[in-house]
Structure formats: structure tokens, C-alpha cells
Amino acid sequence: RPLVSDGTTVQLRVISFEAAGLVPTGTTGVTRRMLQNAVFPKLEGS
């Protein structure tokens, strides 16, 4: 439920770890593999 209502349009995009490549990373330099490892550490051993 909104804590503040002022008409601003906000979107929360929910994805699984397989689709981590869709996330815009700006200038952070983070990669898809890093994001996947953050929520699925077993990928490090693959």
C-alpha cells in the first residue's frame, strides 16, 4: 500500500535470477553473472 500518494508513477519489475540480464546497470559496471551469484551462489562453482 502506498505510504505517500502524489500521483507519481512507480514500477517494481519482478524477475527471476535467470533474467538478471534485463536489469539496467547504469555506470556501475556490474555484470549479469554478478547479479546471479548474489541470489544464487551455486553458479560460482559452475
PDB file of all heavy atoms in Angstrom:
ATOM      1  N   ARG A   1       0.863  -1.174   0.000  1.00  0.00           N
ATOM      2  CA  ARG A   1       0.000   0.000   0.000  1.00  0.00           C
ATOM      3  C   ARG A   1       0.905   1.232   0.000  1.00  0.00           C
ATOM      4  O   ARG A   1       1.935   1.244   0.673  1.00  0.00           O
ATOM      5  CB  ARG A   1      -0.918   0.026   1.238  1.00  0.00           C
ATOM      6  CG  ARG A   1      -1.895  -1.133   1.308  1.00  0.00           C
ATOM      7  CD  ARG A   1      -2.962  -1.027   0.218  1.00  0.00           C
ATOM      8  NE  ARG A   1      -3.915  -2.112   0.297  1.00  0.00           N
ATOM      9  CZ  ARG A   1      -3.799  -3.286  -0.299  1.00  0.00           C
ATOM     10  NH1 ARG A   1      -2.719  -3.534  -1.035  1.00  0.00           N
ATOM     11  NH2 ARG A   1      -4.703  -4.217  -0.175  1.00  0.00           N
ATOM     12  N   PRO A   2       0.539   2.277  -0.722  1.00  0.00           N
ATOM     13  CA  PRO A   2       1.428   3.451  -0.776  1.00  0.00           C
ATOM     14  C   PRO A   2       1.521   4.152   0.570  1.00  0.00           C
ATOM     15  O   PRO A   2       0.513   4.341   1.260  1.00  0.00           O
ATOM     16  CB  PRO A   2       0.763   4.329  -1.842  1.00  0.00           C
ATOM     17  CG  PRO A   2      -0.671   3.896  -1.866  1.00  0.00           C
ATOM     18  CD  PRO A   2      -0.675   2.437  -1.543  1.00  0.00           C
ATOM     19  N   LEU A   3       2.731   4.521   0.944  1.00  0.00           N
ATOM     20  CA  LEU A   3       2.944   5.316   2.148  1.00  0.00           C
ATOM     21  C   LEU A   3       2.765   6.800   1.866  1.00  0.00           C
ATOM     22  O   LEU A   3       2.408   7.567   2.759  1.00  0.00           O
ATOM     23  CB  LEU A   3       4.344   5.064   2.706  1.00  0.00           C
ATOM     24  CG  LEU A   3       4.731   3.590   2.942  1.00  0.00           C
ATOM     25  CD1 LEU A   3       6.151   3.506   3.492  1.00  0.00           C
ATOM     26  CD2 LEU A   3       3.752   2.919   3.878  1.00  0.00           C
ATOM     27  N   VAL A   4       3.036   7.193   0.630  1.00  0.00           N
ATOM     28  CA  VAL A   4       2.867   8.577   0.175  1.00  0.00           C
ATOM     29  C   VAL A   4       2.167   8.528  -1.170  1.00  0.00           C
ATOM     30  O   VAL A   4       2.560   7.759  -2.051  1.00  0.00           O
ATOM     31  CB  VAL A   4       4.220   9.310   0.050  1.00  0.00           C
ATOM     32  CG1 VAL A   4       4.010  10.726  -0.464  1.00  0.00           C
ATOM     33  CG2 VAL A   4       4.948   9.325   1.391  1.00  0.00           C
ATOM     34  N   SER A   5       1.122   9.333  -1.339  1.00  0.00           N
ATOM     35  CA  SER A   5       0.368   9.362  -2.593  1.00  0.00           C
ATOM     36  C   SER A   5       0.421  10.767  -3.166  1.00  0.00           C
ATOM     37  O   SER A   5      -0.082  11.712  -2.556  1.00  0.00           O
ATOM     38  CB  SER A   5      -1.090   8.941  -2.361  1.00  0.00           C
ATOM     39  OG  SER A   5      -1.162   7.610  -1.873  1.00  0.00           O
ATOM     40  N   ASP A   6       1.053  10.907  -4.333  1.00  0.00           N
ATOM     41  CA  ASP A   6       1.099  12.209  -5.001  1.00  0.00           C
ATOM     42  C   ASP A   6       0.951  12.081  -6.513  1.00  0.00           C
ATOM     43  O   ASP A   6       1.265  13.017  -7.243  1.00  0.00           O
ATOM     44  CB  ASP A   6       2.405  12.933  -4.657  1.00  0.00           C
ATOM     45  CG  ASP A   6       3.644  12.158  -5.096  1.00  0.00           C
ATOM     46  OD1 ASP A   6       3.488  11.051  -5.661  1.00  0.00           O
ATOM     47  OD2 ASP A   6       4.764  12.644  -4.878  1.00  0.00           O
ATOM     48  N   GLY A   7       0.491  10.929  -6.985  1.00  0.00           N
ATOM     49  CA  GLY A   7       0.278  10.742  -8.401  1.00  0.00           C
ATOM     50  C   GLY A   7       1.496  10.307  -9.188  1.00  0.00           C
ATOM     51  O   GLY A   7       1.413  10.126 -10.403  1.00  0.00           O
ATOM     52  N   THR A   8       2.648  10.121  -8.527  1.00  0.00           N
ATOM     53  CA  THR A   8       3.850   9.692  -9.220  1.00  0.00           C
ATOM     54  C   THR A   8       3.721   8.225  -9.639  1.00  0.00           C
ATOM     55  O   THR A   8       3.304   7.382  -8.849  1.00  0.00           O
ATOM     56  CB  THR A   8       5.082   9.855  -8.323  1.00  0.00           C
ATOM     57  OG1 THR A   8       5.179  11.222  -7.915  1.00  0.00           O
ATOM     58  CG2 THR A   8       6.353   9.457  -9.060  1.00  0.00           C
ATOM     59  N   THR A   9       4.063   7.936 -10.887  1.00  0.00           N
ATOM     60  CA  THR A   9       4.010   6.567 -11.398  1.00  0.00           C
ATOM     61  C   THR A   9       5.303   5.841 -11.066  1.00  0.00           C
ATOM     62  O   THR A   9       6.384   6.272 -11.451  1.00  0.00           O
ATOM     63  CB  THR A   9       3.789   6.553 -12.923  1.00  0.00           C
ATOM     64  OG1 THR A   9       2.567   7.247 -13.220  1.00  0.00           O
ATOM     65  CG2 THR A   9       3.700   5.132 -13.446  1.00  0.00           C
ATOM     66  N   VAL A  10       5.171   4.753 -10.347  1.00  0.00           N
ATOM     67  CA  VAL A  10       6.312   3.944  -9.930  1.00  0.00           C
ATOM     68  C   VAL A  10       6.088   2.522 -10.414  1.00  0.00           C
ATOM     69  O   VAL A  10       4.951   2.042 -10.457  1.00  0.00           O
ATOM     70  CB  VAL A  10       6.478   3.963  -8.397  1.00  0.00           C
ATOM     71  CG1 VAL A  10       7.667   3.123  -7.968  1.00  0.00           C
ATOM     72  CG2 VAL A  10       6.642   5.391  -7.901  1.00  0.00           C
ATOM     73  N   GLN A  11       7.153   1.836 -10.782  1.00  0.00           N
ATOM     74  CA  GLN A  11       7.062   0.451 -11.234  1.00  0.00           C
ATOM     75  C   GLN A  11       8.113  -0.394 -10.529  1.00  0.00           C
ATOM     76  O   GLN A  11       9.284  -0.011 -10.468  1.00  0.00           O
ATOM     77  CB  GLN A  11       7.240   0.341 -12.749  1.00  0.00           C
ATOM     78  CG  GLN A  11       6.077   0.902 -13.548  1.00  0.00           C
ATOM     79  CD  GLN A  11       6.223   0.670 -15.038  1.00  0.00           C
ATOM     80  OE1 GLN A  11       7.329   0.521 -15.553  1.00  0.00           O
ATOM     81  NE2 GLN A  11       5.115   0.637 -15.748  1.00  0.00           N
ATOM     82  N   LEU A  12       7.668  -1.531  -9.991  1.00  0.00           N
ATOM     83  CA  LEU A  12       8.568  -2.522  -9.427  1.00  0.00           C
ATOM     84  C   LEU A  12       8.567  -3.723 -10.366  1.00  0.00           C
ATOM     85  O   LEU A  12       7.574  -4.435 -10.476  1.00  0.00           O
ATOM     86  CB  LEU A  12       8.125  -2.936  -8.025  1.00  0.00           C
ATOM     87  CG  LEU A  12       8.947  -4.048  -7.363  1.00  0.00           C
ATOM     88  CD1 LEU A  12      10.388  -3.579  -7.158  1.00  0.00           C
ATOM     89  CD2 LEU A  12       8.328  -4.482  -6.048  1.00  0.00           C
ATOM     90  N   ARG A  13       9.677  -3.952 -11.049  1.00  0.00           N
ATOM     91  CA  ARG A  13       9.782  -5.028 -12.028  1.00  0.00           C
ATOM     92  C   ARG A  13      10.378  -6.254 -11.333  1.00  0.00           C
ATOM     93  O   ARG A  13      11.539  -6.228 -10.915  1.00  0.00           O
ATOM     94  CB  ARG A  13      10.639  -4.591 -13.212  1.00  0.00           C
ATOM     95  CG  ARG A  13      10.111  -3.327 -13.892  1.00  0.00           C
ATOM     96  CD  ARG A  13      11.013  -2.881 -15.029  1.00  0.00           C
ATOM     97  NE  ARG A  13      10.567  -1.621 -15.592  1.00  0.00           N
ATOM     98  CZ  ARG A  13       9.675  -1.492 -16.575  1.00  0.00           C
ATOM     99  NH1 ARG A  13       9.149  -2.597 -17.113  1.00  0.00           N
ATOM    100  NH2 ARG A  13       9.318  -0.313 -17.036  1.00  0.00           N
ATOM    101  N   VAL A  14       9.586  -7.304 -11.242  1.00  0.00           N
ATOM    102  CA  VAL A  14       9.982  -8.515 -10.531  1.00  0.00           C
ATOM    103  C   VAL A  14      10.399  -9.563 -11.551  1.00  0.00           C
ATOM    104  O   VAL A  14       9.636  -9.888 -12.465  1.00  0.00           O
ATOM    105  CB  VAL A  14       8.836  -9.042  -9.647  1.00  0.00           C
ATOM    106  CG1 VAL A  14       9.290 -10.249  -8.840  1.00  0.00           C
ATOM    107  CG2 VAL A  14       8.331  -7.943  -8.722  1.00  0.00           C
ATOM    108  N   ILE A  15      11.610 -10.097 -11.401  1.00  0.00           N
ATOM    109  CA  ILE A  15      12.120 -11.108 -12.311  1.00  0.00           C
ATOM    110  C   ILE A  15      12.828 -12.191 -11.500  1.00  0.00           C
ATOM    111  O   ILE A  15      13.177 -11.990 -10.326  1.00  0.00           O
ATOM    112  CB  ILE A  15      13.106 -10.520 -13.348  1.00  0.00           C
ATOM    113  CG1 ILE A  15      14.280  -9.846 -12.643  1.00  0.00           C
ATOM    114  CG2 ILE A  15      12.402  -9.548 -14.278  1.00  0.00           C
ATOM    115  CD1 ILE A  15      15.346  -9.332 -13.587  1.00  0.00           C
ATOM    116  N   SER A  16      13.037 -13.338 -12.130  1.00  0.00           N
ATOM    117  CA  SER A  16      13.818 -14.402 -11.515  1.00  0.00           C
ATOM    118  C   SER A  16      15.295 -14.195 -11.842  1.00  0.00           C
ATOM    119  O   SER A  16      15.655 -13.355 -12.676  1.00  0.00           O
ATOM    120  CB  SER A  16      13.354 -15.765 -12.025  1.00  0.00           C
ATOM    121  OG  SER A  16      13.549 -15.855 -13.430  1.00  0.00           O
ATOM    122  N   PHE A  17      16.155 -14.958 -11.178  1.00  0.00           N
ATOM    123  CA  PHE A  17      17.590 -14.748 -11.354  1.00  0.00           C
ATOM    124  C   PHE A  17      18.047 -15.072 -12.773  1.00  0.00           C
ATOM    125  O   PHE A  17      19.069 -14.550 -13.219  1.00  0.00           O
ATOM    126  CB  PHE A  17      18.372 -15.588 -10.334  1.00  0.00           C
ATOM    127  CG  PHE A  17      18.366 -17.055 -10.629  1.00  0.00           C
ATOM    128  CD1 PHE A  17      19.429 -17.651 -11.277  1.00  0.00           C
ATOM    129  CD2 PHE A  17      17.299 -17.854 -10.252  1.00  0.00           C
ATOM    130  CE1 PHE A  17      19.435 -19.000 -11.554  1.00  0.00           C
ATOM    131  CE2 PHE A  17      17.299 -19.205 -10.518  1.00  0.00           C
ATOM    132  CZ  PHE A  17      18.366 -19.787 -11.174  1.00  0.00           C
ATOM    133  N   GLU A  18      17.298 -15.917 -13.495  1.00  0.00           N
ATOM    134  CA  GLU A  18      17.704 -16.223 -14.867  1.00  0.00           C
ATOM    135  C   GLU A  18      17.648 -15.005 -15.775  1.00  0.00           C
ATOM    136  O   GLU A  18      18.367 -14.924 -16.777  1.00  0.00           O
ATOM    137  CB  GLU A  18      16.822 -17.324 -15.462  1.00  0.00           C
ATOM    138  CG  GLU A  18      16.905 -18.664 -14.731  1.00  0.00           C
ATOM    139  CD  GLU A  18      15.774 -18.837 -13.740  1.00  0.00           C
ATOM    140  OE1 GLU A  18      15.266 -17.788 -13.262  1.00  0.00           O
ATOM    141  OE2 GLU A  18      15.413 -19.973 -13.432  1.00  0.00           O
ATOM    142  N   ALA A  19      16.777 -14.042 -15.459  1.00  0.00           N
ATOM    143  CA  ALA A  19      16.579 -12.868 -16.314  1.00  0.00           C
ATOM    144  C   ALA A  19      17.348 -11.659 -15.808  1.00  0.00           C
ATOM    145  O   ALA A  19      16.984 -10.517 -16.105  1.00  0.00           O
ATOM    146  CB  ALA A  19      15.098 -12.537 -16.415  1.00  0.00           C
ATOM    147  N   ALA A  20      18.415 -11.867 -15.053  1.00  0.00           N
ATOM    148  CA  ALA A  20      19.166 -10.746 -14.479  1.00  0.00           C
ATOM    149  C   ALA A  20      19.764  -9.845 -15.552  1.00  0.00           C
ATOM    150  O   ALA A  20      20.064  -8.682 -15.284  1.00  0.00           O
ATOM    151  CB  ALA A  20      20.273 -11.264 -13.568  1.00  0.00           C
ATOM    152  N   GLY A  21      19.917 -10.355 -16.765  1.00  0.00           N
ATOM    153  CA  GLY A  21      20.475  -9.536 -17.830  1.00  0.00           C
ATOM    154  C   GLY A  21      19.585  -8.400 -18.271  1.00  0.00           C
ATOM    155  O   GLY A  21      20.041  -7.493 -18.980  1.00  0.00           O
ATOM    156  N   LEU A  22      18.307  -8.400 -17.874  1.00  0.00           N
ATOM    157  CA  LEU A  22      17.390  -7.323 -18.251  1.00  0.00           C
ATOM    158  C   LEU A  22      17.588  -6.064 -17.415  1.00  0.00           C
ATOM    159  O   LEU A  22      17.115  -4.994 -17.785  1.00  0.00           O
ATOM    160  CB  LEU A  22      15.934  -7.792 -18.108  1.00  0.00           C
ATOM    161  CG  LEU A  22      15.481  -8.952 -19.001  1.00  0.00           C
ATOM    162  CD1 LEU A  22      14.038  -9.336 -18.659  1.00  0.00           C
ATOM    163  CD2 LEU A  22      15.583  -8.570 -20.467  1.00  0.00           C
ATOM    164  N   VAL A  23      18.275  -6.169 -16.300  1.00  0.00           N
ATOM    165  CA  VAL A  23      18.395  -5.046 -15.373  1.00  0.00           C
ATOM    166  C   VAL A  23      19.356  -4.005 -15.941  1.00  0.00           C
ATOM    167  O   VAL A  23      20.507  -4.324 -16.260  1.00  0.00           O
ATOM    168  CB  VAL A  23      18.900  -5.524 -13.998  1.00  0.00           C
ATOM    169  CG1 VAL A  23      19.044  -4.339 -13.042  1.00  0.00           C
ATOM    170  CG2 VAL A  23      17.960  -6.565 -13.421  1.00  0.00           C
ATOM    171  N   PRO A  24      18.922  -2.732 -16.077  1.00  0.00           N
ATOM    172  CA  PRO A  24      19.861  -1.672 -16.482  1.00  0.00           C
ATOM    173  C   PRO A  24      20.831  -1.375 -15.349  1.00  0.00           C
ATOM    174  O   PRO A  24      20.417  -1.134 -14.218  1.00  0.00           O
ATOM    175  CB  PRO A  24      18.942  -0.485 -16.784  1.00  0.00           C
ATOM    176  CG  PRO A  24      17.708  -0.740 -15.976  1.00  0.00           C
ATOM    177  CD  PRO A  24      17.549  -2.229 -15.898  1.00  0.00           C
ATOM    178  N   THR A  25      22.115  -1.389 -15.643  1.00  0.00           N
ATOM    179  CA  THR A  25      23.127  -1.241 -14.602  1.00  0.00           C
ATOM    180  C   THR A  25      23.807   0.118 -14.598  1.00  0.00           C
ATOM    181  O   THR A  25      24.690   0.355 -13.776  1.00  0.00           O
ATOM    182  CB  THR A  25      24.206  -2.331 -14.771  1.00  0.00           C
ATOM    183  OG1 THR A  25      24.775  -2.234 -16.086  1.00  0.00           O
ATOM    184  CG2 THR A  25      23.600  -3.716 -14.595  1.00  0.00           C
ATOM    185  N   GLY A  26      23.411   1.028 -15.488  1.00  0.00           N
ATOM    186  CA  GLY A  26      23.989   2.367 -15.483  1.00  0.00           C
ATOM    187  C   GLY A  26      25.494   2.333 -15.695  1.00  0.00           C
ATOM    188  O   GLY A  26      25.997   1.633 -16.569  1.00  0.00           O
ATOM    189  N   THR A  27      26.219   3.063 -14.866  1.00  0.00           N
ATOM    190  CA  THR A  27      27.679   3.129 -14.973  1.00  0.00           C
ATOM    191  C   THR A  27      28.367   2.315 -13.886  1.00  0.00           C
ATOM    192  O   THR A  27      29.551   2.498 -13.625  1.00  0.00           O
ATOM    193  CB  THR A  27      28.143   4.588 -14.877  1.00  0.00           C
ATOM    194  OG1 THR A  27      27.719   5.143 -13.612  1.00  0.00           O
ATOM    195  CG2 THR A  27      27.583   5.420 -16.007  1.00  0.00           C
ATOM    196  N   THR A  28      27.637   1.400 -13.224  1.00  0.00           N
ATOM    197  CA  THR A  28      28.207   0.651 -12.103  1.00  0.00           C
ATOM    198  C   THR A  28      29.174  -0.423 -12.557  1.00  0.00           C
ATOM    199  O   THR A  28      30.018  -0.865 -11.773  1.00  0.00           O
ATOM    200  CB  THR A  28      27.094   0.003 -11.275  1.00  0.00           C
ATOM    201  OG1 THR A  28      26.325  -0.885 -12.116  1.00  0.00           O
ATOM    202  CG2 THR A  28      26.175   1.072 -10.698  1.00  0.00           C
ATOM    203  N   GLY A  29      29.061  -0.900 -13.804  1.00  0.00           N
ATOM    204  CA  GLY A  29      29.943  -1.945 -14.290  1.00  0.00           C
ATOM    205  C   GLY A  29      29.612  -3.332 -13.802  1.00  0.00           C
ATOM    206  O   GLY A  29      30.357  -4.282 -14.053  1.00  0.00           O
ATOM    207  N   VAL A  30      28.494  -3.498 -13.107  1.00  0.00           N
ATOM    208  CA  VAL A  30      28.109  -4.812 -12.612  1.00  0.00           C
ATOM    209  C   VAL A  30      27.609  -5.664 -13.777  1.00  0.00           C
ATOM    210  O   VAL A  30      26.987  -5.166 -14.714  1.00  0.00           O
ATOM    211  CB  VAL A  30      27.038  -4.687 -11.516  1.00  0.00           C
ATOM    212  CG1 VAL A  30      25.714  -4.196 -12.078  1.00  0.00           C
ATOM    213  CG2 VAL A  30      26.825  -6.002 -10.788  1.00  0.00           C
ATOM    214  N   THR A  31      27.889  -6.955 -13.745  1.00  0.00           N
ATOM    215  CA  THR A  31      27.525  -7.858 -14.827  1.00  0.00           C
ATOM    216  C   THR A  31      26.373  -8.756 -14.431  1.00  0.00           C
ATOM    217  O   THR A  31      26.002  -8.856 -13.253  1.00  0.00           O
ATOM    218  CB  THR A  31      28.733  -8.727 -15.229  1.00  0.00           C
ATOM    219  OG1 THR A  31      29.097  -9.571 -14.119  1.00  0.00           O
ATOM    220  CG2 THR A  31      29.916  -7.856 -15.619  1.00  0.00           C
ATOM    221  N   ARG A  32      25.821  -9.420 -15.438  1.00  0.00           N
ATOM    222  CA  ARG A  32      24.732 -10.370 -15.196  1.00  0.00           C
ATOM    223  C   ARG A  32      25.182 -11.481 -14.260  1.00  0.00           C
ATOM    224  O   ARG A  32      24.441 -11.885 -13.364  1.00  0.00           O
ATOM    225  CB  ARG A  32      24.275 -10.938 -16.534  1.00  0.00           C
ATOM    226  CG  ARG A  32      23.278 -12.078 -16.418  1.00  0.00           C
ATOM    227  CD  ARG A  32      23.003 -12.678 -17.785  1.00  0.00           C
ATOM    228  NE  ARG A  32      22.123 -13.823 -17.701  1.00  0.00           N
ATOM    229  CZ  ARG A  32      21.805 -14.583 -18.737  1.00  0.00           C
ATOM    230  NH1 ARG A  32      22.305 -14.300 -19.934  1.00  0.00           N
ATOM    231  NH2 ARG A  32      20.999 -15.612 -18.595  1.00  0.00           N
ATOM    232  N   ARG A  33      26.394 -11.986 -14.446  1.00  0.00           N
ATOM    233  CA  ARG A  33      26.896 -13.055 -13.594  1.00  0.00           C
ATOM    234  C   ARG A  33      26.987 -12.625 -12.137  1.00  0.00           C
ATOM    235  O   ARG A  33      26.650 -13.381 -11.224  1.00  0.00           O
ATOM    236  CB  ARG A  33      28.264 -13.506 -14.106  1.00  0.00           C
ATOM    237  CG  ARG A  33      28.961 -14.537 -13.230  1.00  0.00           C
ATOM    238  CD  ARG A  33      28.238 -15.865 -13.243  1.00  0.00           C
ATOM    239  NE  ARG A  33      28.316 -16.488 -14.553  1.00  0.00           N
ATOM    240  CZ  ARG A  33      27.744 -17.650 -14.843  1.00  0.00           C
ATOM    241  NH1 ARG A  33      27.051 -18.292 -13.919  1.00  0.00           N
ATOM    242  NH2 ARG A  33      27.848 -18.162 -16.054  1.00  0.00           N
ATOM    243  N   MET A  34      27.398 -11.385 -11.881  1.00  0.00           N
ATOM    244  CA  MET A  34      27.488 -10.892 -10.503  1.00  0.00           C
ATOM    245  C   MET A  34      26.121 -10.856  -9.840  1.00  0.00           C
ATOM    246  O   MET A  34      25.979 -11.231  -8.665  1.00  0.00           O
ATOM    247  CB  MET A  34      28.113  -9.495 -10.498  1.00  0.00           C
ATOM    248  CG  MET A  34      29.555  -9.446 -10.961  1.00  0.00           C
ATOM    249  SD  MET A  34      30.155  -7.736 -11.019  1.00  0.00           S
ATOM    250  CE  MET A  34      31.790  -7.979 -11.721  1.00  0.00           C
ATOM    251  N   LEU A  35      25.114 -10.391 -10.581  1.00  0.00           N
ATOM    252  CA  LEU A  35      23.774 -10.325 -10.010  1.00  0.00           C
ATOM    253  C   LEU A  35      23.215 -11.718  -9.753  1.00  0.00           C
ATOM    254  O   LEU A  35      22.543 -11.958  -8.740  1.00  0.00           O
ATOM    255  CB  LEU A  35      22.845  -9.546 -10.951  1.00  0.00           C
ATOM    256  CG  LEU A  35      23.214  -8.068 -11.173  1.00  0.00           C
ATOM    257  CD1 LEU A  35      22.249  -7.435 -12.159  1.00  0.00           C
ATOM    258  CD2 LEU A  35      23.199  -7.308  -9.860  1.00  0.00           C
ATOM    259  N   GLN A  36      23.487 -12.653 -10.651  1.00  0.00           N
ATOM    260  CA  GLN A  36      23.014 -14.012 -10.450  1.00  0.00           C
ATOM    261  C   GLN A  36      23.696 -14.659  -9.253  1.00  0.00           C
ATOM    262  O   GLN A  36      23.057 -15.336  -8.444  1.00  0.00           O
ATOM    263  CB  GLN A  36      23.243 -14.834 -11.712  1.00  0.00           C
ATOM    264  CG  GLN A  36      22.327 -14.460 -12.871  1.00  0.00           C
ATOM    265  CD  GLN A  36      22.607 -15.286 -14.104  1.00  0.00           C
ATOM    266  OE1 GLN A  36      23.715 -15.757 -14.313  1.00  0.00           O
ATOM    267  NE2 GLN A  36      21.580 -15.465 -14.934  1.00  0.00           N
ATOM    268  N   ASN A  37      25.002 -14.446  -9.125  1.00  0.00           N
ATOM    269  CA  ASN A  37      25.712 -15.014  -7.982  1.00  0.00           C
ATOM    270  C   ASN A  37      25.223 -14.441  -6.663  1.00  0.00           C
ATOM    271  O   ASN A  37      25.306 -15.103  -5.621  1.00  0.00           O
ATOM    272  CB  ASN A  37      27.219 -14.758  -8.128  1.00  0.00           C
ATOM    273  CG  ASN A  37      27.849 -15.601  -9.224  1.00  0.00           C
ATOM    274  OD1 ASN A  37      27.258 -16.583  -9.674  1.00  0.00           O
ATOM    275  ND2 ASN A  37      29.029 -15.218  -9.649  1.00  0.00           N
ATOM    276  N   ALA A  38      24.723 -13.205  -6.689  1.00  0.00           N
ATOM    277  CA  ALA A  38      24.258 -12.577  -5.452  1.00  0.00           C
ATOM    278  C   ALA A  38      23.036 -13.275  -4.878  1.00  0.00           C
ATOM    279  O   ALA A  38      22.818 -13.258  -3.661  1.00  0.00           O
ATOM    280  CB  ALA A  38      23.952 -11.104  -5.696  1.00  0.00           C
ATOM    281  N   VAL A  39      22.209 -13.895  -5.732  1.00  0.00           N
ATOM    282  CA  VAL A  39      20.997 -14.564  -5.249  1.00  0.00           C
ATOM    283  C   VAL A  39      21.026 -16.068  -5.506  1.00  0.00           C
ATOM    284  O   VAL A  39      20.115 -16.779  -5.112  1.00  0.00           O
ATOM    285  CB  VAL A  39      19.734 -13.955  -5.899  1.00  0.00           C
ATOM    286  CG1 VAL A  39      19.573 -12.508  -5.488  1.00  0.00           C
ATOM    287  CG2 VAL A  39      19.789 -14.067  -7.416  1.00  0.00           C
ATOM    288  N   PHE A  40      22.049 -16.544  -6.187  1.00  0.00           N
ATOM    289  CA  PHE A  40      22.178 -17.965  -6.481  1.00  0.00           C
ATOM    290  C   PHE A  40      23.668 -18.306  -6.457  1.00  0.00           C
ATOM    291  O   PHE A  40      24.290 -18.484  -7.491  1.00  0.00           O
ATOM    292  CB  PHE A  40      21.571 -18.292  -7.832  1.00  0.00           C
ATOM    293  CG  PHE A  40      21.299 -19.769  -8.038  1.00  0.00           C
ATOM    294  CD1 PHE A  40      21.462 -20.682  -7.009  1.00  0.00           C
ATOM    295  CD2 PHE A  40      20.886 -20.245  -9.265  1.00  0.00           C
ATOM    296  CE1 PHE A  40      21.218 -22.027  -7.184  1.00  0.00           C
ATOM    297  CE2 PHE A  40      20.636 -21.601  -9.459  1.00  0.00           C
ATOM    298  CZ  PHE A  40      20.805 -22.491  -8.419  1.00  0.00           C
ATOM    299  N   PRO A  41      24.267 -18.441  -5.262  1.00  0.00           N
ATOM    300  CA  PRO A  41      25.720 -18.602  -5.167  1.00  0.00           C
ATOM    301  C   PRO A  41      26.242 -19.864  -5.832  1.00  0.00           C
ATOM    302  O   PRO A  41      27.421 -19.950  -6.144  1.00  0.00           O
ATOM    303  CB  PRO A  41      25.970 -18.639  -3.654  1.00  0.00           C
ATOM    304  CG  PRO A  41      24.754 -18.030  -3.040  1.00  0.00           C
ATOM    305  CD  PRO A  41      23.629 -18.337  -3.965  1.00  0.00           C
ATOM    306  N   LYS A  42      25.398 -20.877  -6.063  1.00  0.00           N
ATOM    307  CA  LYS A  42      25.884 -22.117  -6.651  1.00  0.00           C
ATOM    308  C   LYS A  42      26.444 -21.906  -8.049  1.00  0.00           C
ATOM    309  O   LYS A  42      27.199 -22.722  -8.551  1.00  0.00           O
ATOM    310  CB  LYS A  42      24.748 -23.144  -6.697  1.00  0.00           C
ATOM    311  CG  LYS A  42      24.282 -23.600  -5.321  1.00  0.00           C
ATOM    312  CD  LYS A  42      23.170 -24.623  -5.432  1.00  0.00           C
ATOM    313  CE  LYS A  42      22.693 -25.048  -4.046  1.00  0.00           C
ATOM    314  NZ  LYS A  42      21.582 -26.021  -4.136  1.00  0.00           N
ATOM    315  N   LEU A  43      26.031 -20.798  -8.682  1.00  0.00           N
ATOM    316  CA  LEU A  43      26.533 -20.540 -10.031  1.00  0.00           C
ATOM    317  C   LEU A  43      28.035 -20.290 -10.039  1.00  0.00           C
ATOM    318  O   LEU A  43      28.680 -20.420 -11.055  1.00  0.00           O
ATOM    319  CB  LEU A  43      25.811 -19.332 -10.634  1.00  0.00           C
ATOM    320  CG  LEU A  43      24.351 -19.556 -11.019  1.00  0.00           C
ATOM    321  CD1 LEU A  43      23.769 -18.264 -11.547  1.00  0.00           C
ATOM    322  CD2 LEU A  43      24.210 -20.658 -12.048  1.00  0.00           C
ATOM    323  N   GLU A  44      28.604 -19.920  -8.887  1.00  0.00           N
ATOM    324  CA  GLU A  44      30.034 -19.658  -8.855  1.00  0.00           C
ATOM    325  C   GLU A  44      30.838 -20.921  -9.172  1.00  0.00           C
ATOM    326  O   GLU A  44      31.879 -20.880  -9.788  1.00  0.00           O
ATOM    327  CB  GLU A  44      30.425 -19.120  -7.480  1.00  0.00           C
ATOM    328  CG  GLU A  44      29.800 -17.766  -7.179  1.00  0.00           C
ATOM    329  CD  GLU A  44      30.132 -17.315  -5.782  1.00  0.00           C
ATOM    330  OE1 GLU A  44      30.734 -18.105  -5.035  1.00  0.00           O
ATOM    331  OE2 GLU A  44      29.791 -16.171  -5.432  1.00  0.00           O
ATOM    332  N   GLY A  45      30.339 -22.068  -8.751  1.00  0.00           N
ATOM    333  CA  GLY A  45      31.056 -23.310  -8.990  1.00  0.00           C
ATOM    334  C   GLY A  45      30.818 -23.894 -10.352  1.00  0.00           C
ATOM    335  O   GLY A  45      31.421 -24.898 -10.713  1.00  0.00           O
ATOM    336  N   SER A  46      29.908 -23.296 -11.146  1.00  0.00           N
ATOM    337  CA  SER A  46      29.614 -23.844 -12.453  1.00  0.00           C
ATOM    338  C   SER A  46      30.635 -23.435 -13.507  1.00  0.00           C
ATOM    339  O   SER A  46      30.669 -23.991 -14.579  1.00  0.00           O
ATOM    340  CB  SER A  46      28.217 -23.389 -12.911  1.00  0.00           C
ATOM    341  OG  SER A  46      28.196 -21.981 -13.059  1.00  0.00           O
TER     342      SER A  46
END
